[in-house]
Amino acid sequence: MNKRFTDPYTFEGRIPLKQAIPLGLQHVMAMFVGNLTPLIIVMGVCGMVGNDFEALRISLLQNAMIMAGVVTLIQMYAIGPIGGKVPVVMGTSSGFLGIMKSISAAMGGGVFGYGAILGASIVGGLMEGVLGLFLKPLRRFFPPVVTGSVVMAIGLSLIGVGMGYYGGGTANPDFGSAINLFLGTFVLIVIIITKHFGKGFVSSASVLIGIIAGYVLATILSAVLPTTGVDANGAEYTYSWVVQWNKVASAGWIEVPKILPVKPVFQMKAIIPMMIMFVVTAVETIGDISAVQIGGIGREASDKELAGGVICDGVGSSLAALFGVLPNTSFSQNVGLVSMTKVVNRFALSVGAVFLILCGFCPKLGAVVNIMPQSVLGGAAIMMFASIIVGGISLITNHGVDSRITTIVAVSVGLGYGIGTNSAILEGLHPYLNLVFGESGIVPTAIIAILLNVVLPKDEKEE
């Protein structure tokens, strides 16, 4: 390699652009759908559907891509204390969906309800940013056994999401069809072969190669097989694995995003529950940064990296809300990609972030990624999400495992993640508690692990 360049497995330094582009695109492919889906869901919950809201919807989706790219760059390069200088990709969080549905219902939905969500996001994001400033004295509550347990819960919570993609999308009538499962399996096999039998760049770009191969196969199948079916109600629909290139043809080349497309509304009954969720997402971000540092770089995250990452999480969410976008947080999908490929180069990830920004200004580029069948992404997602679990295990076992650590991990992950898989067990509690603790299992896992770590006596060697 030219002496001017470094390798993709180091955070600092520059790699050739022809290498950085595909490695960066891997990250865009991994998070593109997940970055836009929360906006689509929340607009639907608020009743902002139909032709009257089509222009606003397009504007918000454009802004979501731009803000994901901008906040990712801030996270990796930092502006003062904002940003951890870590290889973490940021995007629109789905973790807030439960609380946002409640806020929309309480505020009567519509543009006013959506504005209340944005106002609460601005205040909650700033609060999380302040929390990050005081993270260092709180670090003792997050030793490897706690962060490792949280990372494991993050990975476990995403496996179900990955299987949803693998089957073609749970909302689609052909979910779990033979062709969807075939495409997902094909992509997974290509990734395994290129990862372990390829060398150099081929191995590093295994996820992108697998996704492209799946994309090409889906395009061929779309040309030779029937593309429509009939659902249980007798309505005709297009199979989820069909690559609809007509959507790319109809998309525009250039569109300038709008600033403040929705006016923020500040209401305390929206702000308070949202602030609780921002504390929750701070814990998840600590877990994500810990996972990406141990899984990609091979060391624990520093106090400065964690604090900067949490501050960026909060401030980035407030900034995104000014553009009508929901909170931006660390994307666990991309943490799994880093853990699997070990590619942590900041320049490569920056290329992906810039591509996201370009997608926001060029809808045609965004459409190319957006029409990718979910089952193609699912083949990659399963391996990426499971890699997060392995990263959590590494965090815990790197410092040895004794009976105390076994108890903390077993109880926190077992009980915490168990609540996440069957949140109906919390229906007798206050609705806010149900929303905060029952969404994914990450929050109860974190709280239980922190409490047990404080309460259980340590061995003399640990004192």
Protein backbone atom coordinates (compact mmCIF):
# COMPACT_ATOMS: atom_id res chain seq x y z
CA MET A 1 0.00 0.00 0.00
CA ASN A 2 1.16 3.54 -0.79
CA LYS A 3 2.93 5.09 2.21
CA ARG A 4 0.48 7.99 2.07
CA PHE A 5 -2.33 5.60 2.98
CA THR A 6 -3.18 3.57 6.05
CA ASP A 7 -5.34 0.45 6.27
CA PRO A 8 -9.12 0.33 6.88
CA TYR A 9 -8.65 -1.28 10.30
CA THR A 10 -7.32 1.90 11.90
CA PHE A 11 -9.53 4.85 12.83
CA GLU A 12 -7.16 7.66 11.89
CA GLY A 13 -5.56 8.11 8.49
CA ARG A 14 -6.64 7.99 4.88
CA ILE A 15 -7.36 5.00 2.64
CA PRO A 16 -7.68 5.13 -1.18
CA LEU A 17 -11.02 6.53 -2.36
CA LYS A 18 -11.68 3.44 -4.51
CA GLN A 19 -11.51 1.44 -1.29
CA ALA A 20 -13.33 3.95 0.91
CA ILE A 21 -16.40 4.25 -1.33
CA PRO A 22 -17.57 0.62 -1.15
CA LEU A 23 -16.65 0.32 2.53
CA GLY A 24 -18.66 3.45 3.27
CA LEU A 25 -21.59 2.26 1.16
CA GLN A 26 -21.78 -0.88 3.28
CA HIS A 27 -22.85 1.29 6.20
CA VAL A 28 -25.40 3.18 4.12
CA MET A 29 -26.96 -0.09 2.93
CA ALA A 30 -27.10 -1.40 6.51
CA MET A 31 -29.01 1.56 7.93
CA PHE A 32 -30.83 3.23 5.03
CA VAL A 33 -34.25 1.62 5.50
CA GLY A 34 -34.06 1.82 9.29
CA ASN A 35 -33.20 5.51 9.08
CA LEU A 36 -36.39 6.37 7.14
CA THR A 37 -38.89 3.93 8.62
CA PRO A 38 -39.48 5.76 11.96
CA LEU A 39 -40.47 8.94 10.10
CA ILE A 40 -42.94 7.06 7.93
CA ILE A 41 -44.45 5.33 10.97
CA VAL A 42 -44.78 8.50 13.08
CA MET A 43 -46.31 10.49 10.22
CA GLY A 44 -48.86 7.69 9.86
CA VAL A 45 -49.57 7.68 13.60
CA CYS A 46 -50.14 11.45 13.48
CA GLY A 47 -52.53 11.05 10.55
CA MET A 48 -50.23 12.93 8.19
CA VAL A 49 -51.01 10.74 5.18
CA GLY A 50 -52.47 11.16 1.72
CA ASN A 51 -51.78 13.58 -1.11
CA ASP A 52 -52.05 16.65 1.12
CA PHE A 53 -48.92 15.56 3.03
CA GLU A 54 -46.95 14.06 0.12
CA ALA A 55 -44.68 17.10 -0.32
CA LEU A 56 -44.03 17.33 3.43
CA ARG A 57 -43.27 13.61 3.60
CA ILE A 58 -40.69 13.89 0.81
CA SER A 59 -39.11 16.91 2.51
CA LEU A 60 -38.85 15.11 5.87
CA LEU A 61 -37.35 11.98 4.30
CA GLN A 62 -34.77 14.12 2.50
CA ASN A 63 -33.89 15.86 5.75
CA ALA A 64 -33.63 12.52 7.55
CA MET A 65 -30.90 11.38 5.15
CA ILE A 66 -29.05 14.69 5.35
CA MET A 67 -29.17 14.87 9.14
CA ALA A 68 -27.99 11.26 9.52
CA GLY A 69 -24.94 12.12 7.42
CA VAL A 70 -24.26 15.44 9.19
CA VAL A 71 -24.60 14.06 12.74
CA THR A 72 -22.43 11.05 11.79
CA LEU A 73 -19.66 13.40 10.66
CA ILE A 74 -19.96 15.38 13.91
CA GLN A 75 -19.75 12.13 15.90
CA MET A 76 -16.56 11.05 14.09
CA TYR A 77 -14.71 14.38 13.90
CA ALA A 78 -16.18 16.26 16.90
CA ILE A 79 -16.91 19.95 17.33
CA GLY A 80 -15.48 20.83 20.72
CA PRO A 81 -17.05 18.44 23.27
CA ILE A 82 -19.74 17.35 20.79
CA GLY A 83 -18.72 14.02 19.29
CA GLY A 84 -16.74 11.08 20.62
CA LYS A 85 -14.40 10.67 17.61
CA VAL A 86 -15.58 7.09 17.32
CA PRO A 87 -16.59 5.01 14.24
CA VAL A 88 -20.30 5.21 15.02
CA VAL A 89 -22.97 5.85 12.39
CA MET A 90 -25.92 7.99 13.53
CA GLY A 91 -29.49 7.84 12.27
CA THR A 92 -33.18 8.29 13.09
CA SER A 93 -33.95 6.20 16.16
CA SER A 94 -36.82 3.69 16.32
CA GLY A 95 -36.45 3.44 20.10
CA PHE A 96 -38.71 6.47 20.60
CA LEU A 97 -41.65 5.09 18.59
CA GLY A 98 -43.67 3.89 21.58
CA ILE A 99 -43.44 7.18 23.44
CA MET A 100 -44.12 9.14 20.25
CA LYS A 101 -47.34 7.21 19.63
CA SER A 102 -48.48 8.18 23.13
CA ILE A 103 -47.53 11.85 22.60
CA SER A 104 -49.40 11.93 19.28
CA ALA A 105 -52.52 10.49 20.94
CA ALA A 106 -52.28 12.94 23.84
CA MET A 107 -51.84 15.94 21.53
CA GLY A 108 -54.55 14.96 19.09
CA GLY A 109 -52.24 13.93 16.25
CA GLY A 110 -51.90 15.96 13.08
CA VAL A 111 -49.18 18.51 12.37
CA PHE A 112 -49.66 19.87 15.91
CA GLY A 113 -48.95 16.43 17.43
CA TYR A 114 -45.90 16.00 15.21
CA GLY A 115 -44.73 19.47 16.22
CA ALA A 116 -45.07 18.51 19.90
CA ILE A 117 -42.84 15.50 19.25
CA LEU A 118 -40.24 17.78 17.66
CA GLY A 119 -40.42 20.31 20.51
CA ALA A 120 -39.97 17.53 23.07
CA SER A 121 -37.03 16.19 21.03
CA ILE A 122 -35.31 19.59 21.11
CA VAL A 123 -35.59 19.85 24.91
CA GLY A 124 -34.83 16.17 25.54
CA GLY A 125 -31.80 16.26 23.26
CA LEU A 126 -30.32 19.25 25.04
CA MET A 127 -30.90 17.50 28.37
CA GLU A 128 -29.01 14.43 27.13
CA GLY A 129 -26.20 16.70 25.96
CA VAL A 130 -25.89 18.14 29.47
CA LEU A 131 -25.96 14.60 30.89
CA GLY A 132 -22.98 13.74 28.68
CA LEU A 133 -20.97 16.59 30.24
CA PHE A 134 -21.26 14.88 33.63
CA LEU A 135 -20.72 11.35 32.38
CA LYS A 136 -17.17 10.92 33.71
CA PRO A 137 -18.12 10.72 37.43
CA LEU A 138 -20.93 8.33 36.45
CA ARG A 139 -18.55 6.03 34.54
CA ARG A 140 -17.98 3.85 37.60
CA PHE A 141 -21.56 2.63 37.22
CA PHE A 142 -20.72 1.26 33.77
CA PRO A 143 -17.91 -1.30 34.16
CA PRO A 144 -17.45 -3.96 31.43
CA VAL A 145 -19.95 -6.34 33.05
CA VAL A 146 -22.68 -3.67 32.81
CA THR A 147 -21.86 -2.35 29.34
CA GLY A 148 -21.32 -5.91 28.09
CA SER A 149 -24.75 -6.96 29.37
CA VAL A 150 -26.33 -3.91 27.69
CA VAL A 151 -24.52 -4.65 24.42
CA MET A 152 -25.78 -8.24 24.54
CA ALA A 153 -29.34 -6.97 25.08
CA ILE A 154 -28.94 -4.61 22.11
CA GLY A 155 -27.84 -7.48 19.87
CA LEU A 156 -30.59 -9.79 21.10
CA SER A 157 -33.25 -7.11 20.59
CA LEU A 158 -32.12 -6.69 16.97
CA ILE A 159 -32.18 -10.38 16.03
CA GLY A 160 -35.97 -10.25 15.72
CA VAL A 161 -35.65 -7.15 13.52
CA GLY A 162 -33.12 -8.99 11.36
CA MET A 163 -35.43 -11.97 10.95
CA GLY A 164 -38.19 -9.56 9.94
CA TYR A 165 -35.97 -8.29 7.15
CA TYR A 166 -34.86 -11.84 6.28
CA GLY A 167 -38.43 -12.90 5.61
CA GLY A 168 -39.16 -9.89 3.43
CA GLY A 169 -40.72 -7.52 5.97
CA THR A 170 -43.35 -8.53 8.49
CA ALA A 171 -45.85 -6.00 7.10
CA ASN A 172 -45.76 -7.54 3.62
CA PRO A 173 -48.27 -10.23 2.58
CA ASP A 174 -45.52 -12.48 1.22
CA PHE A 175 -43.47 -12.42 4.44
CA GLY A 176 -41.63 -15.72 4.83
CA SER A 177 -42.12 -16.75 1.20
CA ALA A 178 -39.69 -19.22 -0.37
CA ILE A 179 -38.14 -16.56 -2.61
CA ASN A 180 -37.59 -14.14 0.27
CA LEU A 181 -35.92 -16.84 2.35
CA PHE A 182 -33.86 -17.90 -0.67
CA LEU A 183 -32.63 -14.34 -1.25
CA GLY A 184 -31.74 -13.85 2.43
CA THR A 185 -29.89 -17.16 2.56
CA PHE A 186 -28.08 -16.43 -0.69
CA VAL A 187 -26.81 -13.08 0.63
CA LEU A 188 -25.71 -14.67 3.92
CA ILE A 189 -23.78 -17.42 2.09
CA VAL A 190 -22.06 -14.88 -0.19
CA ILE A 191 -21.01 -12.83 2.86
CA ILE A 192 -19.59 -15.88 4.65
CA ILE A 193 -17.66 -17.01 1.55
CA THR A 194 -16.19 -13.58 0.76
CA LYS A 195 -15.46 -12.85 4.42
CA HIS A 196 -13.54 -16.04 5.14
CA PHE A 197 -12.24 -17.14 1.73
CA GLY A 198 -11.60 -13.72 0.23
CA LYS A 199 -8.54 -11.65 1.03
CA GLY A 200 -7.85 -7.98 1.65
CA PHE A 201 -10.51 -5.68 0.28
CA VAL A 202 -12.85 -8.54 -0.74
CA SER A 203 -12.97 -9.75 2.84
CA SER A 204 -13.45 -6.23 4.24
CA ALA A 205 -16.28 -5.46 1.82
CA SER A 206 -18.02 -8.82 2.26
CA VAL A 207 -21.31 -7.26 3.39
CA LEU A 208 -21.51 -4.89 0.41
CA ILE A 209 -20.59 -7.69 -2.00
CA GLY A 210 -23.29 -9.91 -0.49
CA ILE A 211 -25.92 -7.16 -0.73
CA ILE A 212 -24.99 -6.31 -4.34
CA ALA A 213 -25.10 -10.00 -5.27
CA GLY A 214 -28.55 -10.29 -3.67
CA TYR A 215 -29.67 -7.11 -5.42
CA VAL A 216 -28.58 -8.50 -8.82
CA LEU A 217 -30.27 -11.85 -8.16
CA ALA A 218 -33.49 -10.12 -7.09
CA THR A 219 -33.40 -8.02 -10.29
CA ILE A 220 -33.04 -11.18 -12.40
CA LEU A 221 -35.88 -12.91 -10.54
CA SER A 222 -38.03 -9.79 -11.01
CA ALA A 223 -37.53 -10.11 -14.77
CA VAL A 224 -38.30 -13.84 -15.13
CA LEU A 225 -40.90 -14.61 -12.45
CA PRO A 226 -44.43 -13.33 -11.78
CA THR A 227 -44.18 -10.14 -9.71
CA THR A 228 -47.67 -9.88 -8.23
CA GLY A 229 -49.85 -11.99 -5.98
CA VAL A 230 -53.25 -11.83 -4.27
CA ASP A 231 -53.57 -11.36 -0.50
CA ALA A 232 -56.11 -12.92 1.87
CA ASN A 233 -58.64 -10.20 1.03
CA GLY A 234 -58.37 -10.78 -2.70
CA ALA A 235 -56.37 -7.61 -3.37
CA GLU A 236 -53.44 -7.72 -5.77
CA TYR A 237 -50.01 -6.69 -4.45
CA THR A 238 -46.41 -6.60 -5.66
CA TYR A 239 -44.08 -9.15 -4.04
CA SER A 240 -41.65 -7.60 -1.57
CA TRP A 241 -38.62 -9.13 -3.33
CA VAL A 242 -39.36 -7.34 -6.61
CA VAL A 243 -36.88 -4.60 -7.52
CA GLN A 244 -39.04 -1.69 -8.70
CA TRP A 245 -36.68 0.33 -10.89
CA ASN A 246 -39.59 2.48 -12.07
CA LYS A 247 -39.45 4.27 -8.70
CA VAL A 248 -35.86 5.30 -9.47
CA ALA A 249 -36.88 6.55 -12.92
CA SER A 250 -39.67 8.69 -11.46
CA ALA A 251 -37.52 10.20 -8.69
CA GLY A 252 -36.07 13.67 -9.21
CA TRP A 253 -32.39 14.47 -9.63
CA ILE A 254 -32.09 17.51 -7.38
CA GLU A 255 -34.35 18.78 -4.60
CA VAL A 256 -33.39 21.38 -2.00
CA PRO A 257 -34.52 20.37 1.51
CA LYS A 258 -36.62 22.78 3.58
CA ILE A 259 -35.58 24.17 6.97
CA LEU A 260 -38.23 24.05 9.73
CA PRO A 261 -40.78 22.16 7.60
CA VAL A 262 -42.85 21.63 10.78
CA LYS A 263 -43.05 24.21 13.57
CA PRO A 264 -41.95 22.76 16.95
CA VAL A 265 -44.54 22.87 19.74
CA PHE A 266 -43.45 22.84 23.39
CA GLN A 267 -45.82 21.01 25.74
CA MET A 268 -44.74 19.61 29.12
CA LYS A 269 -46.87 16.47 28.79
CA ALA A 270 -44.84 15.66 25.69
CA ILE A 271 -41.47 16.86 27.02
CA ILE A 272 -41.38 14.86 30.29
CA PRO A 273 -41.82 11.35 28.82
CA MET A 274 -39.44 12.24 26.00
CA MET A 275 -36.76 13.31 28.49
CA ILE A 276 -37.05 9.90 30.16
CA MET A 277 -36.45 8.25 26.79
CA PHE A 278 -33.38 10.40 26.17
CA VAL A 279 -31.85 9.07 29.40
CA VAL A 280 -32.62 5.59 28.11
CA THR A 281 -31.00 6.24 24.74
CA ALA A 282 -27.89 7.59 26.53
CA VAL A 283 -27.48 4.15 28.12
CA GLU A 284 -27.90 2.50 24.72
CA THR A 285 -25.34 4.85 23.17
CA ILE A 286 -22.84 3.99 25.91
CA GLY A 287 -23.40 0.34 25.02
CA ASP A 288 -23.01 0.97 21.29
CA ILE A 289 -19.78 2.94 21.69
CA SER A 290 -18.40 0.31 24.06
CA ALA A 291 -19.28 -2.42 21.55
CA VAL A 292 -17.76 -0.66 18.56
CA GLN A 293 -14.50 0.11 20.40
CA ILE A 294 -14.02 -3.39 21.78
CA GLY A 295 -15.31 -5.11 18.63
CA GLY A 296 -13.62 -2.92 16.06
CA ILE A 297 -10.55 -1.48 17.78
CA GLY A 298 -9.96 -4.05 20.51
CA ARG A 299 -10.02 -1.80 23.55
CA GLU A 300 -12.51 -0.27 25.96
CA ALA A 301 -14.00 3.15 25.24
CA SER A 302 -12.47 6.08 27.12
CA ASP A 303 -14.40 8.53 29.31
CA LYS A 304 -13.92 11.25 26.69
CA GLU A 305 -15.24 9.04 23.88
CA LEU A 306 -18.33 8.04 25.85
CA ALA A 307 -19.05 11.59 27.02
CA GLY A 308 -18.58 13.07 23.54
CA GLY A 309 -20.71 10.34 22.01
CA VAL A 310 -23.60 10.94 24.40
CA ILE A 311 -23.38 14.72 23.93
CA CYS A 312 -23.49 14.24 20.14
CA ASP A 313 -26.48 11.93 20.58
CA GLY A 314 -28.38 14.68 22.39
CA VAL A 315 -27.28 17.77 20.49
CA GLY A 316 -27.61 15.93 17.17
CA SER A 317 -31.20 15.02 18.04
CA SER A 318 -32.03 18.64 18.86
CA LEU A 319 -30.45 19.78 15.60
CA ALA A 320 -32.36 17.13 13.64
CA ALA A 321 -35.66 18.27 15.20
CA LEU A 322 -35.12 21.78 13.80
CA PHE A 323 -35.26 20.15 10.35
CA GLY A 324 -38.39 18.16 11.17
CA VAL A 325 -36.45 14.94 11.81
CA LEU A 326 -36.93 12.60 14.77
CA PRO A 327 -34.09 11.98 17.31
CA ASN A 328 -30.76 10.83 15.85
CA THR A 329 -28.91 8.21 17.87
CA SER A 330 -26.16 5.64 17.36
CA PHE A 331 -27.25 2.89 14.96
CA SER A 332 -26.69 -0.57 16.45
CA GLN A 333 -26.96 -2.10 12.97
CA ASN A 334 -23.73 -0.39 11.99
CA VAL A 335 -22.08 -1.31 15.29
CA GLY A 336 -22.66 -4.91 14.27
CA LEU A 337 -21.11 -4.23 10.86
CA VAL A 338 -17.97 -2.77 12.46
CA SER A 339 -17.74 -5.69 14.88
CA MET A 340 -17.98 -8.15 12.01
CA THR A 341 -15.67 -6.52 9.45
CA LYS A 342 -13.30 -4.67 11.85
CA VAL A 343 -13.35 -1.74 9.39
CA VAL A 344 -13.18 1.36 11.59
CA ASN A 345 -11.49 3.86 9.28
CA ARG A 346 -13.01 7.30 9.76
CA PHE A 347 -12.48 8.32 6.14
CA ALA A 348 -14.37 5.27 4.86
CA LEU A 349 -17.30 5.92 7.19
CA SER A 350 -17.21 9.60 6.24
CA VAL A 351 -17.67 8.68 2.59
CA GLY A 352 -20.82 6.81 3.62
CA ALA A 353 -22.01 9.86 5.58
CA VAL A 354 -21.41 12.13 2.58
CA PHE A 355 -23.35 9.71 0.38
CA LEU A 356 -26.29 9.97 2.80
CA ILE A 357 -26.16 13.78 2.49
CA LEU A 358 -26.06 13.50 -1.32
CA CYS A 359 -29.09 11.17 -1.19
CA GLY A 360 -30.93 13.93 0.65
CA PHE A 361 -30.23 16.40 -2.15
CA CYS A 362 -30.67 13.80 -4.94
CA PRO A 363 -33.85 11.70 -4.49
CA LYS A 364 -32.82 9.43 -7.39
CA LEU A 365 -29.76 8.25 -5.43
CA GLY A 366 -31.90 7.64 -2.38
CA ALA A 367 -34.42 5.67 -4.44
CA VAL A 368 -31.70 3.27 -5.66
CA VAL A 369 -31.04 2.22 -2.06
CA ASN A 370 -34.65 2.49 -0.94
CA ILE A 371 -35.97 -0.09 -3.45
CA MET A 372 -33.60 -2.77 -2.18
CA PRO A 373 -35.70 -5.80 -1.13
CA GLN A 374 -35.80 -6.23 2.64
CA SER A 375 -34.85 -9.90 2.38
CA VAL A 376 -31.56 -8.88 0.73
CA LEU A 377 -30.77 -6.63 3.70
CA GLY A 378 -31.94 -9.41 6.05
CA GLY A 379 -29.23 -11.81 4.89
CA ALA A 380 -26.64 -9.27 6.02
CA ALA A 381 -28.54 -8.14 9.11
CA ILE A 382 -28.61 -11.55 10.79
CA MET A 383 -24.83 -11.82 10.82
CA MET A 384 -24.30 -8.16 11.76
CA PHE A 385 -26.74 -8.22 14.67
CA ALA A 386 -25.40 -11.50 16.03
CA SER A 387 -21.91 -9.94 15.93
CA ILE A 388 -23.13 -7.35 18.46
CA ILE A 389 -23.96 -10.16 20.89
CA VAL A 390 -20.46 -11.58 20.41
CA GLY A 391 -19.06 -8.10 21.12
CA GLY A 392 -20.97 -7.98 24.41
CA ILE A 393 -19.62 -11.38 25.39
CA SER A 394 -16.09 -10.17 24.60
CA LEU A 395 -16.55 -7.10 26.81
CA ILE A 396 -17.54 -9.32 29.73
CA THR A 397 -15.06 -12.18 29.31
CA ASN A 398 -11.99 -10.01 28.63
CA HIS A 399 -11.81 -9.32 32.37
CA GLY A 400 -12.49 -12.85 33.52
CA VAL A 401 -15.75 -14.42 34.64
CA ASP A 402 -16.52 -15.36 38.24
CA SER A 403 -19.75 -16.21 40.04
CA ARG A 404 -20.54 -12.54 40.69
CA ILE A 405 -20.23 -11.60 37.02
CA THR A 406 -22.19 -14.69 36.01
CA THR A 407 -25.04 -13.65 38.32
CA ILE A 408 -25.09 -10.05 37.03
CA VAL A 409 -25.16 -11.14 33.39
CA ALA A 410 -27.62 -13.97 33.90
CA VAL A 411 -30.14 -11.95 35.89
CA SER A 412 -29.87 -8.68 33.95
CA VAL A 413 -29.99 -10.22 30.47
CA GLY A 414 -32.38 -12.99 31.44
CA LEU A 415 -34.91 -10.82 33.25
CA GLY A 416 -34.30 -7.60 31.31
CA TYR A 417 -34.37 -9.06 27.81
CA GLY A 418 -37.19 -11.38 28.91
CA ILE A 419 -39.32 -8.32 29.67
CA GLY A 420 -38.50 -6.97 26.22
CA THR A 421 -39.71 -10.15 24.52
CA ASN A 422 -42.98 -10.20 26.47
CA SER A 423 -43.79 -6.60 27.39
CA ALA A 424 -47.40 -7.60 28.17
CA ILE A 425 -46.10 -8.53 31.62
CA LEU A 426 -45.88 -4.78 32.38
CA GLU A 427 -49.41 -3.87 31.31
CA GLY A 428 -50.46 -3.40 34.94
CA LEU A 429 -47.91 -0.60 35.40
CA HIS A 430 -48.19 3.07 34.47
CA PRO A 431 -48.24 3.47 30.65
CA TYR A 432 -45.02 5.51 30.66
CA LEU A 433 -43.18 2.76 32.57
CA ASN A 434 -44.51 0.19 30.16
CA LEU A 435 -43.26 2.21 27.21
CA VAL A 436 -39.82 2.87 28.70
CA PHE A 437 -39.13 -0.61 30.05
CA GLY A 438 -41.02 -2.82 27.64
CA GLU A 439 -39.89 -1.62 24.23
CA SER A 440 -36.73 -3.68 23.70
CA GLY A 441 -35.43 -5.04 27.01
CA ILE A 442 -32.33 -2.81 26.83
CA VAL A 443 -33.43 -0.44 29.59
CA PRO A 444 -34.38 -3.08 32.21
CA THR A 445 -31.17 -4.97 31.40
CA ALA A 446 -29.12 -1.81 32.04
CA ILE A 447 -30.91 -0.92 35.29
CA ILE A 448 -30.71 -4.45 36.71
CA ALA A 449 -27.03 -4.78 35.76
CA ILE A 450 -26.17 -1.41 37.37
CA LEU A 451 -28.03 -2.26 40.59
CA LEU A 452 -26.53 -5.74 40.91
CA ASN A 453 -23.04 -4.37 40.22
CA VAL A 454 -23.47 -1.90 43.10
CA VAL A 455 -25.13 -4.33 45.53
CA LEU A 456 -23.25 -7.59 45.06
CA PRO A 457 -19.94 -7.80 46.99
CA LYS A 458 -16.80 -7.86 44.91
CA ASP A 459 -13.97 -10.34 45.25
CA GLU A 460 -10.94 -9.05 47.08
CA LYS A 461 -9.00 -9.01 43.80
CA GLU A 462 -11.49 -6.51 42.37
CA GLU A 463 -11.40 -4.13 45.35
